[in-house]
Amino acid sequence: MNHAEFLRRTTIMKVLAHPDRLFILRGLYLSRCKVGEIQEKMGLTQSGLSQHLSKMRDVGIIVGERSGKEICYRVTDDFAIELMNSVFKDMTL
């Protein structure tokens, strides 16, 4: 693994170290585009959720695509998915 990839992965780990972001990632992975539902289930404010999504988008974990008035987010990073699956491996939520 080269140094750039090592830094990219450590940056992703830092971003996903926040519990809310890890749950958001899981929600988007299981049900793409359901940002409103994720916000409702987690009890986050719109601005709080937007900040989390922005941090995840900035490091390339997710991408957003406009669909009418909404932005549809999807998970695009395989390493982030591996981390998430590892964390939730033995958990039922």
N, C-alpha and C. Protein backbone atom coordinates (compact mmCIF):
# COMPACT_ATOMS: atom_id res chain seq x y z
N MET A 1 0.86 -1.18 0.00
CA MET A 1 0.00 0.00 0.00
C MET A 1 0.90 1.24 0.00
N ASN A 2 0.59 2.15 -0.88
CA ASN A 2 1.41 3.37 -0.94
C ASN A 2 0.98 4.37 0.14
N HIS A 3 1.80 5.36 0.33
CA HIS A 3 1.58 6.34 1.41
C HIS A 3 0.27 7.12 1.21
N ALA A 4 -0.04 7.49 -0.02
CA ALA A 4 -1.27 8.24 -0.28
C ALA A 4 -2.51 7.42 0.11
N GLU A 5 -2.51 6.14 -0.22
CA GLU A 5 -3.63 5.28 0.14
C GLU A 5 -3.72 5.10 1.65
N PHE A 6 -2.58 4.98 2.29
CA PHE A 6 -2.55 4.89 3.75
C PHE A 6 -3.18 6.13 4.38
N LEU A 7 -2.82 7.31 3.91
CA LEU A 7 -3.39 8.56 4.43
C LEU A 7 -4.89 8.65 4.15
N ARG A 8 -5.31 8.23 2.97
CA ARG A 8 -6.73 8.25 2.62
C ARG A 8 -7.53 7.37 3.60
N ARG A 9 -7.02 6.20 3.86
CA ARG A 9 -7.72 5.27 4.77
C ARG A 9 -7.75 5.79 6.20
N THR A 10 -6.67 6.38 6.67
CA THR A 10 -6.68 6.91 8.03
C THR A 10 -7.63 8.09 8.15
N THR A 11 -7.75 8.88 7.09
CA THR A 11 -8.70 9.99 7.10
C THR A 11 -10.13 9.47 7.17
N ILE A 12 -10.43 8.43 6.42
CA ILE A 12 -11.76 7.82 6.47
C ILE A 12 -12.04 7.27 7.87
N MET A 13 -11.05 6.63 8.48
CA MET A 13 -11.25 6.11 9.84
C MET A 13 -11.54 7.24 10.82
N LYS A 14 -10.86 8.38 10.67
CA LYS A 14 -11.12 9.52 11.56
C LYS A 14 -12.55 10.02 11.40
N VAL A 15 -12.99 10.15 10.15
CA VAL A 15 -14.35 10.64 9.91
C VAL A 15 -15.39 9.67 10.46
N LEU A 16 -15.16 8.38 10.27
CA LEU A 16 -16.14 7.38 10.73
C LEU A 16 -16.01 7.05 12.21
N ALA A 17 -15.06 7.66 12.90
CA ALA A 17 -14.93 7.43 14.34
C ALA A 17 -16.08 8.08 15.11
N HIS A 18 -16.80 9.00 14.48
CA HIS A 18 -17.95 9.63 15.13
C HIS A 18 -19.16 8.68 15.00
N PRO A 19 -19.80 8.33 16.11
CA PRO A 19 -20.90 7.35 16.08
C PRO A 19 -22.04 7.74 15.14
N ASP A 20 -22.41 9.02 15.12
CA ASP A 20 -23.50 9.45 14.24
C ASP A 20 -23.15 9.20 12.78
N ARG A 21 -21.90 9.47 12.39
CA ARG A 21 -21.51 9.28 10.99
C ARG A 21 -21.51 7.80 10.62
N LEU A 22 -21.13 6.97 11.55
CA LEU A 22 -21.14 5.53 11.28
C LEU A 22 -22.57 5.04 11.08
N PHE A 23 -23.50 5.53 11.90
CA PHE A 23 -24.90 5.16 11.73
C PHE A 23 -25.49 5.73 10.44
N ILE A 24 -25.10 6.94 10.09
CA ILE A 24 -25.55 7.53 8.82
C ILE A 24 -25.05 6.70 7.65
N LEU A 25 -23.78 6.31 7.70
CA LEU A 25 -23.21 5.48 6.65
C LEU A 25 -24.00 4.19 6.51
N ARG A 26 -24.28 3.55 7.63
CA ARG A 26 -25.03 2.30 7.60
C ARG A 26 -26.42 2.50 7.01
N GLY A 27 -27.07 3.59 7.42
CA GLY A 27 -28.40 3.88 6.88
C GLY A 27 -28.39 4.11 5.38
N LEU A 28 -27.40 4.85 4.89
CA LEU A 28 -27.31 5.11 3.46
C LEU A 28 -26.94 3.84 2.69
N TYR A 29 -26.14 3.01 3.30
CA TYR A 29 -25.75 1.75 2.66
C TYR A 29 -26.96 0.82 2.53
N LEU A 30 -27.78 0.77 3.57
CA LEU A 30 -28.94 -0.11 3.56
C LEU A 30 -30.10 0.45 2.75
N SER A 31 -30.22 1.77 2.72
CA SER A 31 -31.36 2.39 2.05
C SER A 31 -30.93 3.71 1.43
N ARG A 32 -30.32 3.63 0.28
CA ARG A 32 -29.84 4.81 -0.44
C ARG A 32 -30.92 5.87 -0.53
N CYS A 33 -30.53 7.10 -0.33
CA CYS A 33 -31.40 8.28 -0.51
C CYS A 33 -32.32 8.59 0.66
N LYS A 34 -32.39 7.79 1.65
CA LYS A 34 -33.36 7.98 2.72
C LYS A 34 -32.82 8.90 3.82
N VAL A 35 -32.30 10.05 3.43
CA VAL A 35 -31.70 10.98 4.38
C VAL A 35 -32.73 11.47 5.39
N GLY A 36 -33.93 11.79 4.92
CA GLY A 36 -34.98 12.25 5.82
C GLY A 36 -35.33 11.22 6.88
N GLU A 37 -35.39 9.96 6.47
CA GLU A 37 -35.68 8.89 7.42
C GLU A 37 -34.54 8.73 8.42
N ILE A 38 -33.32 8.82 7.94
CA ILE A 38 -32.17 8.71 8.82
C ILE A 38 -32.19 9.84 9.85
N GLN A 39 -32.45 11.05 9.39
CA GLN A 39 -32.52 12.20 10.27
C GLN A 39 -33.59 12.00 11.34
N GLU A 40 -34.74 11.52 10.93
CA GLU A 40 -35.85 11.30 11.85
C GLU A 40 -35.51 10.22 12.88
N LYS A 41 -34.96 9.10 12.44
CA LYS A 41 -34.63 8.00 13.34
C LYS A 41 -33.55 8.38 14.34
N MET A 42 -32.58 9.19 13.89
CA MET A 42 -31.48 9.55 14.77
C MET A 42 -31.77 10.77 15.62
N GLY A 43 -32.81 11.52 15.28
CA GLY A 43 -33.14 12.72 16.04
C GLY A 43 -32.16 13.86 15.82
N LEU A 44 -31.54 13.89 14.65
CA LEU A 44 -30.60 14.96 14.33
C LEU A 44 -31.33 16.15 13.73
N THR A 45 -30.77 17.33 13.94
CA THR A 45 -31.31 18.51 13.26
C THR A 45 -30.86 18.46 11.80
N GLN A 46 -31.54 19.25 10.97
CA GLN A 46 -31.16 19.33 9.56
C GLN A 46 -29.72 19.81 9.41
N SER A 47 -29.35 20.84 10.19
CA SER A 47 -27.98 21.37 10.08
C SER A 47 -26.95 20.37 10.60
N GLY A 48 -27.28 19.63 11.65
CA GLY A 48 -26.37 18.62 12.18
C GLY A 48 -26.13 17.51 11.17
N LEU A 49 -27.21 17.03 10.56
CA LEU A 49 -27.08 16.00 9.55
C LEU A 49 -26.29 16.51 8.35
N SER A 50 -26.56 17.73 7.93
CA SER A 50 -25.84 18.32 6.81
C SER A 50 -24.33 18.40 7.07
N GLN A 51 -23.96 18.74 8.29
CA GLN A 51 -22.54 18.80 8.63
C GLN A 51 -21.89 17.43 8.55
N HIS A 52 -22.57 16.42 9.06
CA HIS A 52 -22.04 15.05 8.99
C HIS A 52 -21.91 14.59 7.54
N LEU A 53 -22.95 14.84 6.74
CA LEU A 53 -22.91 14.44 5.33
C LEU A 53 -21.79 15.17 4.59
N SER A 54 -21.59 16.43 4.92
CA SER A 54 -20.53 17.21 4.29
C SER A 54 -19.15 16.63 4.57
N LYS A 55 -18.90 16.25 5.81
CA LYS A 55 -17.61 15.67 6.17
C LYS A 55 -17.39 14.33 5.45
N MET A 56 -18.45 13.55 5.36
CA MET A 56 -18.35 12.26 4.67
C MET A 56 -18.15 12.46 3.16
N ARG A 57 -18.82 13.43 2.62
CA ARG A 57 -18.69 13.74 1.19
C ARG A 57 -17.30 14.29 0.88
N ASP A 58 -16.77 15.12 1.75
CA ASP A 58 -15.46 15.74 1.53
C ASP A 58 -14.32 14.73 1.43
N VAL A 59 -14.45 13.61 2.12
CA VAL A 59 -13.38 12.59 2.06
C VAL A 59 -13.70 11.48 1.07
N GLY A 60 -14.84 11.59 0.38
CA GLY A 60 -15.16 10.65 -0.67
C GLY A 60 -15.87 9.38 -0.25
N ILE A 61 -16.46 9.38 0.94
CA ILE A 61 -17.18 8.20 1.42
C ILE A 61 -18.53 8.09 0.71
N ILE A 62 -19.16 9.23 0.49
CA ILE A 62 -20.47 9.28 -0.15
C ILE A 62 -20.44 10.32 -1.27
N VAL A 63 -21.40 10.21 -2.18
CA VAL A 63 -21.63 11.25 -3.19
C VAL A 63 -23.11 11.58 -3.18
N GLY A 64 -23.40 12.81 -3.53
CA GLY A 64 -24.79 13.25 -3.60
C GLY A 64 -25.17 13.58 -5.02
N GLU A 65 -26.37 13.19 -5.39
CA GLU A 65 -26.91 13.49 -6.72
C GLU A 65 -28.27 14.14 -6.55
N ARG A 66 -28.48 15.25 -7.21
CA ARG A 66 -29.74 15.97 -7.08
C ARG A 66 -30.86 15.20 -7.77
N SER A 67 -31.98 15.08 -7.08
CA SER A 67 -33.18 14.45 -7.62
C SER A 67 -34.34 15.36 -7.29
N GLY A 68 -34.66 16.28 -8.18
CA GLY A 68 -35.69 17.28 -7.89
C GLY A 68 -35.19 18.24 -6.83
N LYS A 69 -35.93 18.35 -5.75
CA LYS A 69 -35.54 19.24 -4.66
C LYS A 69 -34.61 18.56 -3.66
N GLU A 70 -34.49 17.23 -3.73
CA GLU A 70 -33.69 16.49 -2.77
C GLU A 70 -32.34 16.11 -3.35
N ILE A 71 -31.42 15.84 -2.45
CA ILE A 71 -30.14 15.28 -2.86
C ILE A 71 -30.12 13.83 -2.39
N CYS A 72 -29.86 12.96 -3.32
CA CYS A 72 -29.83 11.53 -3.05
C CYS A 72 -28.37 11.13 -2.80
N TYR A 73 -28.08 10.59 -1.62
CA TYR A 73 -26.71 10.19 -1.28
C TYR A 73 -26.55 8.69 -1.42
N ARG A 74 -25.35 8.30 -1.85
CA ARG A 74 -25.03 6.88 -1.91
C ARG A 74 -23.59 6.69 -1.46
N VAL A 75 -23.32 5.53 -0.91
CA VAL A 75 -21.98 5.19 -0.43
C VAL A 75 -21.14 4.75 -1.62
N THR A 76 -19.91 5.29 -1.71
CA THR A 76 -19.06 5.00 -2.87
C THR A 76 -17.70 4.43 -2.49
N ASP A 77 -17.38 4.36 -1.24
CA ASP A 77 -16.04 3.93 -0.85
C ASP A 77 -16.06 2.52 -0.25
N ASP A 78 -15.36 1.61 -0.91
CA ASP A 78 -15.33 0.22 -0.47
C ASP A 78 -14.67 0.04 0.90
N PHE A 79 -13.63 0.83 1.17
CA PHE A 79 -12.96 0.72 2.47
C PHE A 79 -13.91 1.13 3.60
N ALA A 80 -14.68 2.19 3.40
CA ALA A 80 -15.66 2.63 4.40
C ALA A 80 -16.70 1.54 4.64
N ILE A 81 -17.12 0.87 3.57
CA ILE A 81 -18.09 -0.22 3.70
C ILE A 81 -17.49 -1.37 4.50
N GLU A 82 -16.23 -1.70 4.22
CA GLU A 82 -15.56 -2.76 4.98
C GLU A 82 -15.50 -2.42 6.46
N LEU A 83 -15.13 -1.19 6.78
CA LEU A 83 -15.09 -0.77 8.19
C LEU A 83 -16.47 -0.89 8.84
N MET A 84 -17.47 -0.37 8.15
CA MET A 84 -18.83 -0.40 8.68
C MET A 84 -19.27 -1.84 8.92
N ASN A 85 -19.05 -2.70 7.95
CA ASN A 85 -19.45 -4.10 8.10
C ASN A 85 -18.72 -4.77 9.26
N SER A 86 -17.48 -4.41 9.47
CA SER A 86 -16.72 -4.96 10.57
C SER A 86 -17.30 -4.52 11.91
N VAL A 87 -17.67 -3.27 12.01
CA VAL A 87 -18.23 -2.73 13.26
C VAL A 87 -19.58 -3.37 13.57
N PHE A 88 -20.43 -3.50 12.56
CA PHE A 88 -21.80 -3.98 12.79
C PHE A 88 -21.93 -5.50 12.61
N LYS A 89 -20.82 -6.20 12.44
CA LYS A 89 -20.82 -7.63 12.13
C LYS A 89 -21.71 -8.46 13.06
N ASP A 90 -21.55 -8.33 14.33
CA ASP A 90 -22.26 -9.16 15.30
C ASP A 90 -23.41 -8.41 15.99
N MET A 91 -23.84 -7.29 15.41
CA MET A 91 -24.88 -6.48 16.05
C MET A 91 -26.17 -6.58 15.27
N THR A 92 -27.28 -6.53 15.99
CA THR A 92 -28.58 -6.39 15.36
C THR A 92 -29.17 -5.09 15.86
N LEU A 93 -29.60 -4.27 14.93
CA LEU A 93 -30.17 -2.95 15.30
C LEU A 93 -31.55 -2.79 14.73
